[in-house]
Amino acid sequence: MHHPEFKMKIKLILNECTKIVRIHFIWAFYLIYNLRKLLHKTLVNEMLT
């Protein structure tokens, strides 16, 4: 048997974890997207010159 406060604590920790993971996922996606755009631009420039 678990104490109700213990369950609440776990719920809170899990909520915080999902929040952090979501933020990092969005940030990583944004970074990769921008890097790809930058790479594409430099590659096109290299081919043109």
Protein backbone atom coordinates (compact mmCIF):
# COMPACT_ATOMS: atom_id res chain seq x y z
CA MET A 1 0.00 0.00 0.00
CA HIS A 2 1.30 3.46 -0.96
CA HIS A 3 0.65 6.61 0.97
CA PRO A 4 -1.45 9.15 -0.96
CA GLU A 5 1.18 11.88 -0.51
CA PHE A 6 3.80 9.55 -1.99
CA LYS A 7 1.63 9.05 -5.06
CA MET A 8 1.11 12.80 -5.37
CA LYS A 9 4.86 13.37 -5.16
CA ILE A 10 5.51 10.89 -7.95
CA LYS A 11 2.80 12.52 -10.06
CA LEU A 12 4.38 15.93 -9.58
CA ILE A 13 7.86 14.65 -10.44
CA LEU A 14 6.54 12.94 -13.57
CA ASN A 15 4.75 16.13 -14.62
CA GLU A 16 7.95 18.12 -14.22
CA CYS A 17 9.91 15.53 -16.20
CA THR A 18 7.48 15.54 -19.10
CA LYS A 19 7.55 19.35 -19.14
CA ILE A 20 11.36 19.41 -19.26
CA VAL A 21 11.51 16.69 -21.92
CA ARG A 22 8.97 18.53 -24.06
CA ILE A 23 10.92 21.78 -23.87
CA HIS A 24 14.18 20.02 -24.74
CA PHE A 25 12.53 18.16 -27.62
CA ILE A 26 11.17 21.39 -29.12
CA TRP A 27 14.55 23.09 -28.63
CA ALA A 28 16.43 20.20 -30.24
CA PHE A 29 14.00 20.13 -33.18
CA TYR A 30 14.42 23.88 -33.67
CA LEU A 31 18.21 23.57 -33.56
CA ILE A 32 18.33 20.70 -36.05
CA TYR A 33 15.92 22.53 -38.37
CA ASN A 34 18.07 25.67 -38.37
CA LEU A 35 21.29 23.70 -38.81
CA ARG A 36 19.85 21.93 -41.81
CA LYS A 37 18.81 25.22 -43.36
CA LEU A 38 22.27 26.64 -42.73
CA LEU A 39 23.95 23.58 -44.21
CA HIS A 40 21.75 23.71 -47.27
CA LYS A 41 22.56 27.38 -47.78
CA THR A 42 26.31 26.83 -47.52
CA LEU A 43 26.18 23.83 -49.84
CA VAL A 44 24.28 25.82 -52.47
CA ASN A 45 26.77 28.67 -52.12
CA GLU A 46 29.68 26.27 -52.55
CA MET A 47 28.17 24.85 -55.71
CA LEU A 48 27.48 28.27 -57.19
CA THR A 49 30.98 29.66 -56.63
